[in-house]
Amino acid sequence: MRRRILSAASLLASAVLYNDWLLQLFVPTGLAQADSYVSEAFAADQPYRTLFAGVELACAALITAAGVLGMTSSHRAGTALRTGWTAVTAIGLFSIADVLLPMRCAPSRESGCPPDNVWHTTTSALVHLALFASMALFTWAGRSRAGGWELVGRWGPWLLPVSMAAAVSSVGPYFGHSGGQGIAQRIHLVTVGCWFALLAVELVRAKDGPAGTSTLTESLPETRTLT
């Protein structure tokens, strides 16, 4: 139970920190919310890089912790659920790499700054891959098993396509079509925050026992006593 609550608390905190773009409403970064990527705030040459990189790293650490806690306490759970927690852990680890391999500059405000950095782009792609994998796996588990994780099974099929559509809509600058990518990315980040919060609520609602095992355990053969 303790691991489940700690995982839920980490996910709730991550849901808030993952939307650290809200800090730009109070910190004079000079970046336009509508046309800038959130990662531009911690680009190598930006004045508030330390602040935003620190928030991003804290968020990544919490996501990693939530995933590890989920993995270590769901050894009796179904395969989809266990793999889902592995994907959550991967989100955190790839996010750490994403911060450690930042953009060199802010393309939305610096002429001549390339919109891509091969390493940062790669780590960002891996974060998205792990994220969408977690959404698909938990949603499949919630909809395919009777009893438990009903909220994920109900809302996952809506969050996943909306989040993917927003993420895809934010890649315009990579194909020479800049403008509006910031809005699309921030919509995506809000959906991710909702996803983490949804997982946290499901963990809190779960019955006593290892995380997820009370509702999504593998089917075991029924034993009978011969008399």
Protein backbone atom coordinates (compact mmCIF):
# COMPACT_ATOMS: atom_id res chain seq x y z
CA MET A 1 0.00 0.00 0.00
CA ARG A 2 2.82 2.39 0.86
CA ARG A 3 4.45 1.95 -2.55
CA ARG A 4 1.12 2.53 -4.26
CA ILE A 5 0.55 5.80 -2.41
CA LEU A 6 4.11 6.98 -3.03
CA SER A 7 3.72 6.20 -6.73
CA ALA A 8 0.42 8.09 -6.83
CA ALA A 9 1.94 11.11 -5.07
CA SER A 10 4.88 11.12 -7.50
CA LEU A 11 2.50 11.00 -10.47
CA LEU A 12 0.39 13.87 -9.14
CA ALA A 13 3.48 16.01 -8.62
CA SER A 14 4.67 15.07 -12.10
CA ALA A 15 1.33 16.11 -13.59
CA VAL A 16 1.94 19.62 -12.27
CA LEU A 17 5.65 19.89 -13.05
CA TYR A 18 5.20 18.48 -16.55
CA ASN A 19 3.31 21.69 -17.33
CA ASP A 20 6.11 23.99 -16.21
CA TRP A 21 5.36 26.13 -19.27
CA LEU A 22 3.00 27.94 -16.89
CA LEU A 23 6.13 29.36 -15.22
CA GLN A 24 6.70 31.39 -18.36
CA LEU A 25 3.66 33.45 -17.39
CA PHE A 26 5.71 34.78 -14.47
CA VAL A 27 9.33 34.48 -15.66
CA PRO A 28 10.42 36.91 -18.42
CA THR A 29 11.90 34.35 -20.80
CA GLY A 30 11.08 36.44 -23.88
CA LEU A 31 9.60 33.36 -25.54
CA ALA A 32 6.18 33.55 -27.17
CA GLN A 33 3.95 30.83 -25.77
CA ALA A 34 2.16 30.32 -29.08
CA ASP A 35 5.28 29.86 -31.21
CA SER A 36 7.94 28.37 -28.96
CA TYR A 37 8.73 24.90 -27.71
CA VAL A 38 8.82 24.49 -23.95
CA SER A 39 12.33 23.03 -24.26
CA GLU A 40 13.55 26.37 -25.62
CA ALA A 41 13.35 27.74 -22.07
CA PHE A 42 16.20 25.43 -21.03
CA ALA A 43 18.18 25.71 -24.26
CA ALA A 44 21.92 26.02 -23.66
CA ASP A 45 22.05 29.80 -24.22
CA GLN A 46 18.89 30.86 -22.39
CA PRO A 47 19.07 33.03 -19.25
CA TYR A 48 16.66 30.90 -17.19
CA ARG A 49 18.04 27.57 -18.31
CA THR A 50 18.98 26.49 -14.77
CA LEU A 51 15.48 27.12 -13.41
CA PHE A 52 13.60 25.31 -16.15
CA ALA A 53 16.13 22.49 -16.45
CA GLY A 54 15.89 21.96 -12.69
CA VAL A 55 12.10 21.71 -12.84
CA GLU A 56 12.30 19.32 -15.78
CA LEU A 57 14.83 17.11 -14.00
CA ALA A 58 12.73 17.04 -10.83
CA CYS A 59 9.71 16.04 -12.87
CA ALA A 60 11.67 13.31 -14.68
CA ALA A 61 12.96 11.94 -11.38
CA LEU A 62 9.44 11.76 -9.98
CA ILE A 63 8.14 9.98 -13.08
CA THR A 64 11.00 7.48 -12.87
CA ALA A 65 10.28 6.87 -9.18
CA ALA A 66 6.57 6.37 -9.88
CA GLY A 67 7.37 3.84 -12.60
CA VAL A 68 9.87 1.91 -10.49
CA LEU A 69 7.45 1.77 -7.56
CA GLY A 70 4.76 0.52 -9.90
CA MET A 71 7.04 -2.14 -11.37
CA THR A 72 8.31 -3.45 -8.04
CA SER A 73 4.83 -3.71 -6.56
CA SER A 74 3.01 -5.23 -9.54
CA HIS A 75 4.87 -8.49 -10.03
CA ARG A 76 1.59 -10.41 -9.79
CA ALA A 77 -0.25 -8.09 -12.16
CA GLY A 78 -1.07 -8.75 -15.80
CA THR A 79 1.59 -8.42 -18.49
CA ALA A 80 0.10 -5.22 -19.96
CA LEU A 81 0.09 -3.53 -16.58
CA ARG A 82 3.65 -4.53 -15.74
CA THR A 83 4.85 -3.36 -19.16
CA GLY A 84 2.90 -0.14 -18.68
CA TRP A 85 4.88 0.64 -15.54
CA THR A 86 8.08 -0.11 -17.44
CA ALA A 87 6.99 2.44 -20.05
CA VAL A 88 6.34 5.03 -17.31
CA THR A 89 9.87 4.45 -16.00
CA ALA A 90 11.21 4.89 -19.53
CA ILE A 91 9.39 8.23 -19.82
CA GLY A 92 11.31 9.48 -16.81
CA LEU A 93 14.69 8.17 -17.93
CA PHE A 94 14.36 9.52 -21.46
CA SER A 95 13.19 12.85 -20.03
CA ILE A 96 16.38 13.09 -17.98
CA ALA A 97 18.40 12.53 -21.16
CA ASP A 98 16.25 15.14 -22.91
CA VAL A 99 17.30 17.79 -20.38
CA LEU A 100 20.96 16.74 -20.37
CA LEU A 101 21.04 17.03 -24.18
CA PRO A 102 19.32 20.40 -24.67
CA MET A 103 18.70 22.52 -27.73
CA ARG A 104 21.65 24.82 -28.44
CA CYS A 105 19.47 27.91 -28.82
CA ALA A 106 15.85 29.06 -29.08
CA PRO A 107 14.77 28.86 -32.75
CA SER A 108 11.55 30.78 -32.20
CA ARG A 109 13.43 33.94 -31.20
CA GLU A 110 16.92 33.56 -32.69
CA SER A 111 17.33 33.78 -36.45
CA GLY A 112 19.66 31.14 -37.79
CA CYS A 113 19.00 28.80 -34.88
CA PRO A 114 18.10 25.35 -36.28
CA PRO A 115 14.78 23.93 -35.08
CA ASP A 116 16.34 20.56 -34.40
CA ASN A 117 19.21 19.07 -32.47
CA VAL A 118 19.69 15.44 -33.43
CA TRP A 119 20.30 14.21 -29.87
CA HIS A 120 17.59 16.33 -28.26
CA THR A 121 15.16 15.39 -31.03
CA THR A 122 15.98 11.70 -30.52
CA THR A 123 15.44 11.80 -26.76
CA SER A 124 12.20 13.74 -27.22
CA ALA A 125 10.99 11.11 -29.68
CA LEU A 126 11.82 8.36 -27.20
CA VAL A 127 9.88 10.19 -24.47
CA HIS A 128 6.84 10.31 -26.74
CA LEU A 129 7.22 6.67 -27.73
CA ALA A 130 7.30 5.57 -24.08
CA LEU A 131 4.41 7.88 -23.21
CA PHE A 132 2.09 6.61 -25.93
CA ALA A 133 3.11 3.03 -25.12
CA SER A 134 2.09 3.56 -21.49
CA MET A 135 -1.25 5.03 -22.54
CA ALA A 136 -1.96 2.14 -24.90
CA LEU A 137 -0.89 -0.55 -22.44
CA PHE A 138 -2.77 0.75 -19.41
CA THR A 139 -5.85 1.48 -21.51
CA TRP A 140 -5.80 -2.01 -22.99
CA ALA A 141 -5.40 -3.52 -19.53
CA GLY A 142 -8.22 -1.41 -18.11
CA ARG A 143 -10.63 -2.32 -20.89
CA SER A 144 -9.76 -5.99 -21.23
CA ARG A 145 -10.03 -7.10 -17.63
CA ALA A 146 -13.16 -7.10 -15.48
CA GLY A 147 -13.12 -5.02 -12.32
CA GLY A 148 -10.65 -2.26 -11.61
CA TRP A 149 -8.91 0.57 -13.43
CA GLU A 150 -12.22 1.57 -14.96
CA LEU A 151 -11.23 5.24 -15.22
CA VAL A 152 -8.18 4.44 -17.33
CA GLY A 153 -10.25 2.13 -19.50
CA ARG A 154 -12.88 4.84 -19.93
CA TRP A 155 -10.72 7.91 -20.53
CA GLY A 156 -7.60 6.39 -22.07
CA PRO A 157 -9.20 5.92 -25.51
CA TRP A 158 -9.93 9.67 -25.56
CA LEU A 159 -6.66 10.97 -24.11
CA LEU A 160 -4.40 8.89 -26.36
CA PRO A 161 -5.59 10.19 -29.77
CA VAL A 162 -5.90 13.78 -28.53
CA SER A 163 -2.38 13.67 -27.09
CA MET A 164 -0.95 12.11 -30.26
CA ALA A 165 -2.73 14.60 -32.53
CA ALA A 166 -1.42 17.54 -30.49
CA ALA A 167 2.12 16.14 -30.52
CA VAL A 168 2.07 15.60 -34.28
CA SER A 169 0.66 19.11 -34.81
CA SER A 170 3.67 20.60 -33.02
CA VAL A 171 6.34 19.38 -35.46
CA GLY A 172 5.71 22.01 -38.16
CA PRO A 173 9.08 23.80 -37.74
CA TYR A 174 10.92 20.58 -38.56
CA PHE A 175 9.33 20.74 -42.02
CA GLY A 176 9.69 24.48 -42.54
CA HIS A 177 6.22 25.43 -41.30
CA SER A 178 6.71 27.35 -38.06
CA GLY A 179 4.01 29.11 -36.10
CA GLY A 180 1.49 27.78 -33.62
CA GLN A 181 3.63 24.84 -32.55
CA GLY A 182 3.67 26.18 -29.00
CA ILE A 183 -0.11 25.94 -28.70
CA ALA A 184 -0.16 22.37 -30.00
CA GLN A 185 2.66 21.32 -27.69
CA ARG A 186 1.05 22.85 -24.63
CA ILE A 187 -2.21 21.06 -25.38
CA HIS A 188 -0.17 17.87 -25.55
CA LEU A 189 1.48 18.63 -22.21
CA VAL A 190 -1.90 19.20 -20.58
CA THR A 191 -3.07 15.79 -21.81
CA VAL A 192 0.05 14.19 -20.35
CA GLY A 193 -0.63 15.89 -17.02
CA CYS A 194 -4.19 14.53 -17.13
CA TRP A 195 -2.81 11.06 -17.89
CA PHE A 196 -0.47 11.07 -14.90
CA ALA A 197 -3.27 12.36 -12.67
CA LEU A 198 -5.57 9.62 -13.96
CA LEU A 199 -3.03 6.93 -13.12
CA ALA A 200 -2.56 8.45 -9.68
CA VAL A 201 -6.32 8.41 -8.99
CA GLU A 202 -6.53 4.77 -10.06
CA LEU A 203 -3.71 3.86 -7.68
CA VAL A 204 -5.48 5.60 -4.79
CA ARG A 205 -8.78 3.91 -5.65
CA ALA A 206 -7.20 0.45 -5.82
CA LYS A 207 -7.92 -2.02 -3.05
CA ASP A 208 -5.31 -2.88 -0.46
CA GLY A 209 -2.45 -4.95 -1.77
CA PRO A 210 0.36 -4.48 -4.26
CA ALA A 211 -0.35 -1.80 -6.82
CA GLY A 212 -2.68 -3.15 -9.45
CA THR A 213 -2.76 -6.72 -8.15
CA SER A 214 -6.21 -6.41 -6.61
CA THR A 215 -7.85 -5.68 -9.93
CA LEU A 216 -5.58 -6.84 -12.73
CA THR A 217 -4.01 -10.07 -11.55
CA GLU A 218 -3.30 -12.96 -13.82
CA SER A 219 -6.01 -15.59 -13.87
CA LEU A 220 -5.02 -18.55 -11.73
CA PRO A 221 -6.51 -22.01 -12.01
CA GLU A 222 -9.08 -22.80 -9.38
CA THR A 223 -7.96 -25.38 -6.85
CA ARG A 224 -10.38 -27.97 -5.51
CA THR A 225 -10.12 -30.09 -2.43
CA LEU A 226 -10.80 -33.75 -3.01
CA THR A 227 -12.71 -35.53 -0.28
